[in-house]
C-alpha atoms as a PDB file:
ATOM      1  CA  UNK A   1      99.263 126.255 109.619  1.00  0.00           C
ATOM      2  CA  UNK A   2      99.224 122.487 109.535  1.00  0.00           C
ATOM      3  CA  UNK A   3     102.617 120.762 109.268  1.00  0.00           C
ATOM      4  CA  UNK A   4     102.915 118.255 106.370  1.00  0.00           C
ATOM      5  CA  UNK A   5     102.816 114.675 107.594  1.00  0.00           C
ATOM      6  CA  UNK A   6     106.357 113.714 106.414  1.00  0.00           C
ATOM      7  CA  UNK A   7     107.807 116.717 108.260  1.00  0.00           C
ATOM      8  CA  UNK A   8     105.864 115.842 111.398  1.00  0.00           C
ATOM      9  CA  UNK A   9     107.109 112.240 111.255  1.00  0.00           C
ATOM     10  CA  UNK A  10     110.706 113.396 110.866  1.00  0.00           C
ATOM     11  CA  UNK A  11     110.543 115.664 113.898  1.00  0.00           C
ATOM     12  CA  UNK A  12     108.710 113.013 115.927  1.00  0.00           C
ATOM     13  CA  UNK A  13     111.448 110.471 115.221  1.00  0.00           C
ATOM     14  CA  UNK A  14     114.142 112.981 116.136  1.00  0.00           C
ATOM     15  CA  UNK A  15     112.322 113.733 119.391  1.00  0.00           C
ATOM     16  CA  UNK A  16     112.030 110.043 120.266  1.00  0.00           C
ATOM     17  CA  UNK A  17     115.775 109.665 119.767  1.00  0.00           C
ATOM     18  CA  UNK A  18     116.484 112.644 121.954  1.00  0.00           C
ATOM     19  CA  UNK A  19     115.884 111.932 125.675  1.00  0.00           C
ATOM     20  CA  UNK A  20     119.468 111.155 126.739  1.00  0.00           C
ATOM     21  CA  UNK A  21     122.703 109.679 125.530  1.00  0.00           C
ATOM     22  CA  UNK A  22     123.113 105.956 126.029  1.00  0.00           C
ATOM     23  CA  UNK A  23     126.929 106.033 126.002  1.00  0.00           C
ATOM     24  CA  UNK A  24     129.436 108.517 127.487  1.00  0.00           C
ATOM     25  CA  UNK A  25     130.539 109.683 124.033  1.00  0.00           C
ATOM     26  CA  UNK A  26     127.048 109.842 122.534  1.00  0.00           C
ATOM     27  CA  UNK A  27     125.457 113.147 121.522  1.00  0.00           C
ATOM     28  CA  UNK A  28     122.255 114.377 119.962  1.00  0.00           C
ATOM     29  CA  UNK A  29     121.966 117.150 117.425  1.00  0.00           C
ATOM     30  CA  UNK A  30     120.209 118.625 114.428  1.00  0.00           C
ATOM     31  CA  UNK A  31     121.032 119.403 110.830  1.00  0.00           C
ATOM     32  CA  UNK A  32     119.743 121.308 107.816  1.00  0.00           C
ATOM     33  CA  UNK A  33     120.830 120.719 104.243  1.00  0.00           C
ATOM     34  CA  UNK A  34     120.210 121.569 100.636  1.00  0.00           C
ATOM     35  CA  UNK A  35     121.773 120.777  97.309  1.00  0.00           C
ATOM     36  CA  UNK A  36     121.686 120.108  93.589  1.00  0.00           C
ATOM     37  CA  UNK A  37     120.478 116.814  92.089  1.00  0.00           C
ATOM     38  CA  UNK A  38     120.172 115.224  88.680  1.00  0.00           C
ATOM     39  CA  UNK A  39     117.191 113.000  87.819  1.00  0.00           C
ATOM     40  CA  UNK A  40     117.029 110.108  85.331  1.00  0.00           C
ATOM     41  CA  UNK A  41     113.319 110.441  84.382  1.00  0.00           C
ATOM     42  CA  UNK A  42     113.616 107.882  81.567  1.00  0.00           C
ATOM     43  CA  UNK A  43     109.797 107.708  81.273  1.00  0.00           C
ATOM     44  CA  UNK A  44     109.542 111.409  80.460  1.00  0.00           C
ATOM     45  CA  UNK A  45     107.467 110.796  77.327  1.00  0.00           C
ATOM     46  CA  UNK A  46     104.941 108.635  79.211  1.00  0.00           C
ATOM     47  CA  UNK A  47     104.853 111.303  81.916  1.00  0.00           C
ATOM     48  CA  UNK A  48     104.045 113.927  79.302  1.00  0.00           C
ATOM     49  CA  UNK A  49     101.223 111.836  77.790  1.00  0.00           C
ATOM     50  CA  UNK A  50      99.668 111.083  81.169  1.00  0.00           C
ATOM     51  CA  UNK A  51      99.673 114.805  81.988  1.00  0.00           C
ATOM     52  CA  UNK A  52      98.025 115.594  78.617  1.00  0.00           C
ATOM     53  CA  UNK A  53     100.813 118.023  77.724  1.00  0.00           C
ATOM     54  CA  UNK A  54     101.736 118.636  74.043  1.00  0.00           C
ATOM     55  CA  UNK A  55     105.327 117.750  73.182  1.00  0.00           C
ATOM     56  CA  UNK A  56     105.962 121.344  72.099  1.00  0.00           C
ATOM     57  CA  UNK A  57     105.188 122.569  75.615  1.00  0.00           C
ATOM     58  CA  UNK A  58     106.996 119.905  77.629  1.00  0.00           C
ATOM     59  CA  UNK A  59     110.571 120.118  78.885  1.00  0.00           C
ATOM     60  CA  UNK A  60     112.191 116.875  80.003  1.00  0.00           C
ATOM     61  CA  UNK A  61     112.888 116.853  83.781  1.00  0.00           C
ATOM     62  CA  UNK A  62     116.656 116.573  84.223  1.00  0.00           C
ATOM     63  CA  UNK A  63     117.733 118.211  87.465  1.00  0.00           C
ATOM     64  CA  UNK A  64     116.697 120.345  90.406  1.00  0.00           C
ATOM     65  CA  UNK A  65     117.304 121.092  94.047  1.00  0.00           C
ATOM     66  CA  UNK A  66     116.350 119.661  97.430  1.00  0.00           C
ATOM     67  CA  UNK A  67     116.043 120.988 100.973  1.00  0.00           C
ATOM     68  CA  UNK A  68     115.866 119.058 104.216  1.00  0.00           C
ATOM     69  CA  UNK A  69     116.023 119.017 108.015  1.00  0.00           C
ATOM     70  CA  UNK A  70     116.646 116.234 110.480  1.00  0.00           C
ATOM     71  CA  UNK A  71     117.975 114.916 113.745  1.00  0.00           C
ATOM     72  CA  UNK A  72     121.226 113.113 114.487  1.00  0.00           C
ATOM     73  CA  UNK A  73     122.363 110.563 117.053  1.00  0.00           C
ATOM     74  CA  UNK A  74     126.168 110.450 117.255  1.00  0.00           C
ATOM     75  CA  UNK A  75     126.876 107.110 118.897  1.00  0.00           C
ATOM     76  CA  UNK A  76     130.634 107.698 118.686  1.00  0.00           C
ATOM     77  CA  UNK A  77     132.673 110.666 117.399  1.00  0.00           C
ATOM     78  CA  UNK A  78     133.268 108.659 114.221  1.00  0.00           C
ATOM     79  CA  UNK A  79     129.809 107.063 113.774  1.00  0.00           C
ATOM     80  CA  UNK A  80     126.395 108.727 113.654  1.00  0.00           C
ATOM     81  CA  UNK A  81     122.839 107.919 112.596  1.00  0.00           C
ATOM     82  CA  UNK A  82     120.432 110.448 111.104  1.00  0.00           C
ATOM     83  CA  UNK A  83     116.715 110.677 110.354  1.00  0.00           C
ATOM     84  CA  UNK A  84     115.665 113.450 107.974  1.00  0.00           C
ATOM     85  CA  UNK A  85     112.868 114.873 105.869  1.00  0.00           C
ATOM     86  CA  UNK A  86     113.844 116.002 102.361  1.00  0.00           C
ATOM     87  CA  UNK A  87     111.838 117.853  99.744  1.00  0.00           C
ATOM     88  CA  UNK A  88     112.894 117.223  96.135  1.00  0.00           C
ATOM     89  CA  UNK A  89     111.968 119.627  93.343  1.00  0.00           C
ATOM     90  CA  UNK A  90     112.542 119.641  89.598  1.00  0.00           C
ATOM     91  CA  UNK A  91     113.795 122.893  88.138  1.00  0.00           C
ATOM     92  CA  UNK A  92     113.409 124.597  84.756  1.00  0.00           C
ATOM     93  CA  UNK A  93     109.940 123.222  84.013  1.00  0.00           C
ATOM     94  CA  UNK A  94     107.861 124.689  81.201  1.00  0.00           C
ATOM     95  CA  UNK A  95     104.506 126.427  81.568  1.00  0.00           C
ATOM     96  CA  UNK A  96     101.314 124.854  80.221  1.00  0.00           C
ATOM     97  CA  UNK A  97      98.308 127.132  79.755  1.00  0.00           C
ATOM     98  CA  UNK A  98     100.158 129.764  81.743  1.00  0.00           C
ATOM     99  CA  UNK A  99     100.867 127.542  84.770  1.00  0.00           C
ATOM    100  CA  UNK A 100     104.198 125.937  85.588  1.00  0.00           C
ATOM    101  CA  UNK A 101     104.461 122.166  85.945  1.00  0.00           C
ATOM    102  CA  UNK A 102     105.791 120.739  89.219  1.00  0.00           C
ATOM    103  CA  UNK A 103     107.314 117.327  89.942  1.00  0.00           C
ATOM    104  CA  UNK A 104     107.980 117.380  93.709  1.00  0.00           C
ATOM    105  CA  UNK A 105     108.626 114.396  95.938  1.00  0.00           C
ATOM    106  CA  UNK A 106     108.775 114.034  99.713  1.00  0.00           C
ATOM    107  CA  UNK A 107     111.368 111.738 101.247  1.00  0.00           C
ATOM    108  CA  UNK A 108     112.078 110.335 104.696  1.00  0.00           C
ATOM    109  CA  UNK A 109     115.735 109.280 105.006  1.00  0.00           C
ATOM    110  CA  UNK A 110     117.451 106.995 107.513  1.00  0.00           C
ATOM    111  CA  UNK A 111     121.252 107.104 107.164  1.00  0.00           C
ATOM    112  CA  UNK A 112     124.517 106.143 108.833  1.00  0.00           C
ATOM    113  CA  UNK A 113     127.738 108.171 108.522  1.00  0.00           C
ATOM    114  CA  UNK A 114     131.343 107.227 109.257  1.00  0.00           C
ATOM    115  CA  UNK A 115     133.992 109.942 109.691  1.00  0.00           C
ATOM    116  CA  UNK A 116     137.770 110.012 109.992  1.00  0.00           C
ATOM    117  CA  UNK A 117     139.785 113.047 111.080  1.00  0.00           C
ATOM    118  CA  UNK A 118     142.496 114.270 108.676  1.00  0.00           C
ATOM    119  CA  UNK A 119     143.321 117.650 110.224  1.00  0.00           C
ATOM    120  CA  UNK A 120     142.387 119.299 113.542  1.00  0.00           C
ATOM    121  CA  UNK A 121     139.200 120.689 111.937  1.00  0.00           C
ATOM    122  CA  UNK A 122     138.809 118.545 108.810  1.00  0.00           C
ATOM    123  CA  UNK A 123     137.067 115.200 108.549  1.00  0.00           C
ATOM    124  CA  UNK A 124     136.200 112.968 105.622  1.00  0.00           C
ATOM    125  CA  UNK A 125     134.005 109.910 105.517  1.00  0.00           C
ATOM    126  CA  UNK A 126     131.360 107.748 103.898  1.00  0.00           C
ATOM    127  CA  UNK A 127     127.626 107.441 104.385  1.00  0.00           C
ATOM    128  CA  UNK A 128     124.569 105.697 103.096  1.00  0.00           C
ATOM    129  CA  UNK A 129     121.080 104.612 103.929  1.00  0.00           C
ATOM    130  CA  UNK A 130     117.510 104.034 102.821  1.00  0.00           C
ATOM    131  CA  UNK A 131     114.645 106.339 101.961  1.00  0.00           C
ATOM    132  CA  UNK A 132     110.871 106.376 101.626  1.00  0.00           C
ATOM    133  CA  UNK A 133     109.637 108.508  98.702  1.00  0.00           C
ATOM    134  CA  UNK A 134     106.138 109.781  98.063  1.00  0.00           C
ATOM    135  CA  UNK A 135     104.505 111.761  95.270  1.00  0.00           C
ATOM    136  CA  UNK A 136     101.388 113.850  95.668  1.00  0.00           C
ATOM    137  CA  UNK A 137     100.229 116.747  97.825  1.00  0.00           C
ATOM    138  CA  UNK A 138     100.639 119.000  94.766  1.00  0.00           C
ATOM    139  CA  UNK A 139      99.197 118.888  91.255  1.00  0.00           C
ATOM    140  CA  UNK A 140     101.993 118.075  88.812  1.00  0.00           C
ATOM    141  CA  UNK A 141     100.354 119.880  85.875  1.00  0.00           C
ATOM    142  CA  UNK A 142      97.985 122.644  87.047  1.00  0.00           C
ATOM    143  CA  UNK A 143      97.512 123.771  83.437  1.00  0.00           C
ATOM    144  CA  UNK A 144      95.856 120.454  82.513  1.00  0.00           C
ATOM    145  CA  UNK A 145      94.650 119.618  86.044  1.00  0.00           C
ATOM    146  CA  UNK A 146      96.490 116.291  86.175  1.00  0.00           C
ATOM    147  CA  UNK A 147      97.835 114.827  89.401  1.00  0.00           C
ATOM    148  CA  UNK A 148     100.147 111.869  90.137  1.00  0.00           C
ATOM    149  CA  UNK A 149     100.192 109.683  93.242  1.00  0.00           C
ATOM    150  CA  UNK A 150     102.717 107.019  94.176  1.00  0.00           C
ATOM    151  CA  UNK A 151     105.233 105.856  96.749  1.00  0.00           C
ATOM    152  CA  UNK A 152     108.346 103.690  96.878  1.00  0.00           C
ATOM    153  CA  UNK A 153     111.562 102.956  98.753  1.00  0.00           C
ATOM    154  CA  UNK A 154     115.037 103.927  97.642  1.00  0.00           C
ATOM    155  CA  UNK A 155     118.595 104.313  98.820  1.00  0.00           C
ATOM    156  CA  UNK A 156     121.623 106.552  98.683  1.00  0.00           C
ATOM    157  CA  UNK A 157     125.404 106.368  99.171  1.00  0.00           C
ATOM    158  CA  UNK A 158     127.840 109.253  99.421  1.00  0.00           C
ATOM    159  CA  UNK A 159     131.276 110.525 100.377  1.00  0.00           C
ATOM    160  CA  UNK A 160     131.463 113.451 102.781  1.00  0.00           C
ATOM    161  CA  UNK A 161     133.838 116.172 103.854  1.00  0.00           C
ATOM    162  CA  UNK A 162     133.310 118.295 106.958  1.00  0.00           C
ATOM    163  CA  UNK A 163     134.897 121.429 108.406  1.00  0.00           C
ATOM    164  CA  UNK A 164     134.396 122.152 112.103  1.00  0.00           C
ATOM    165  CA  UNK A 165     133.642 125.830 112.722  1.00  0.00           C
ATOM    166  CA  UNK A 166     133.268 125.306 116.488  1.00  0.00           C
ATOM    167  CA  UNK A 167     133.371 122.171 118.683  1.00  0.00           C
ATOM    168  CA  UNK A 168     129.585 121.865 118.162  1.00  0.00           C
ATOM    169  CA  UNK A 169     128.930 123.345 114.703  1.00  0.00           C
ATOM    170  CA  UNK A 170     130.244 122.259 111.330  1.00  0.00           C
ATOM    171  CA  UNK A 171     129.601 122.666 107.627  1.00  0.00           C
ATOM    172  CA  UNK A 172     129.987 119.778 105.223  1.00  0.00           C
ATOM    173  CA  UNK A 173     129.604 118.674 101.626  1.00  0.00           C
ATOM    174  CA  UNK A 174     128.120 115.309 100.613  1.00  0.00           C
ATOM    175  CA  UNK A 175     128.621 113.933  97.107  1.00  0.00           C
ATOM    176  CA  UNK A 176     126.960 110.708  96.053  1.00  0.00           C
ATOM    177  CA  UNK A 177     124.259 108.862  94.147  1.00  0.00           C
ATOM    178  CA  UNK A 178     120.559 108.342  94.876  1.00  0.00           C
ATOM    179  CA  UNK A 179     118.420 105.383  93.773  1.00  0.00           C
ATOM    180  CA  UNK A 180     114.759 106.420  93.867  1.00  0.00           C
ATOM    181  CA  UNK A 181     112.332 105.205  91.218  1.00  0.00           C
ATOM    182  CA  UNK A 182     108.750 105.951  92.263  1.00  0.00           C
ATOM    183  CA  UNK A 183     105.980 104.176  90.367  1.00  0.00           C
ATOM    184  CA  UNK A 184     102.884 106.206  89.589  1.00  0.00           C
ATOM    185  CA  UNK A 185      99.940 104.359  91.160  1.00  0.00           C
ATOM    186  CA  UNK A 186      97.206 106.846  90.272  1.00  0.00           C
ATOM    187  CA  UNK A 187      96.571 109.666  87.819  1.00  0.00           C
ATOM    188  CA  UNK A 188      93.736 111.864  89.078  1.00  0.00           C
ATOM    189  CA  UNK A 189      92.826 109.046  91.496  1.00  0.00           C
ATOM    190  CA  UNK A 190      92.526 106.510  88.655  1.00  0.00           C
ATOM    191  CA  UNK A 191      94.965 103.778  87.519  1.00  0.00           C
ATOM    192  CA  UNK A 192      97.549 105.173  85.059  1.00  0.00           C
ATOM    193  CA  UNK A 193      97.060 104.433  81.333  1.00  0.00           C
ATOM    194  CA  UNK A 194     100.456 102.704  81.254  1.00  0.00           C
ATOM    195  CA  UNK A 195     103.276 101.882  83.684  1.00  0.00           C
ATOM    196  CA  UNK A 196     105.004 105.165  84.612  1.00  0.00           C
ATOM    197  CA  UNK A 197     108.008 105.739  86.859  1.00  0.00           C
ATOM    198  CA  UNK A 198     109.047 109.081  88.280  1.00  0.00           C
ATOM    199  CA  UNK A 199     112.762 108.342  88.483  1.00  0.00           C
ATOM    200  CA  UNK A 200     114.630 110.649  90.864  1.00  0.00           C
ATOM    201  CA  UNK A 201     117.806 108.554  90.631  1.00  0.00           C
ATOM    202  CA  UNK A 202     121.015 110.421  89.893  1.00  0.00           C
ATOM    203  CA  UNK A 203     123.750 112.615  91.293  1.00  0.00           C
ATOM    204  CA  UNK A 204     123.004 113.766  94.818  1.00  0.00           C
ATOM    205  CA  UNK A 205     124.865 116.675  96.431  1.00  0.00           C
ATOM    206  CA  UNK A 206     124.201 118.287  99.802  1.00  0.00           C
ATOM    207  CA  UNK A 207     125.599 121.227 101.699  1.00  0.00           C
ATOM    208  CA  UNK A 208     125.054 120.274 105.347  1.00  0.00           C
ATOM    209  CA  UNK A 209     124.917 122.546 108.397  1.00  0.00           C
ATOM    210  CA  UNK A 210     125.380 120.341 111.453  1.00  0.00           C
ATOM    211  CA  UNK A 211     124.929 121.227 115.119  1.00  0.00           C
ATOM    212  CA  UNK A 212     125.992 118.579 117.615  1.00  0.00           C
ATOM    213  CA  UNK A 213     126.378 119.816 121.199  1.00  0.00           C
ATOM    214  CA  UNK A 214     128.352 117.856 123.770  1.00  0.00           C
ATOM    215  CA  UNK A 215     130.444 116.219 121.048  1.00  0.00           C
ATOM    216  CA  UNK A 216     133.614 114.636 122.436  1.00  0.00           C
ATOM    217  CA  UNK A 217     136.773 114.033 120.451  1.00  0.00           C
END
């Protein structure tokens, strides 16, 4: 089974970061995360028209979930840098001609996180970074055989809380906002009839499982 290109790039970057720590306190690790998101999707009516979906059969995209994996370089116990692949999905979409619509996006994220210890096992902090977002690789409306393509950059900022289960493993919760408006460049490989944005901006939450061996306090 061939690995999707964004996933392959994420793991390649994590591998390139991995050879050895550059500072005595540095450590390398991995993470997996998932969460709930809201999406602006202000152009929902233009999206519907471009997909040739009747208004009676279209449900406005409002929210959904995301899943991701990545690598981490902890330069200091209080400062780390991460590179991740994230898959965004829109939930509660209607069916058209018996087939459910899909509005997925693939994202590559580069982020920095700052932490401060409050209790022996509890940390809080702030984070933020940039992202590369891409549509495609799936047909948005199989029932009408219409497909979107497009790509753009974005960003995110968040507050985080983290509970250390062991010296190397922790579970955390991120709560923040994502800016990610992706312009549709092509509809079925042709220019779109009008300017359309797939706007994934909105509330961004993540439950993060973090494994960071050789972490020093």
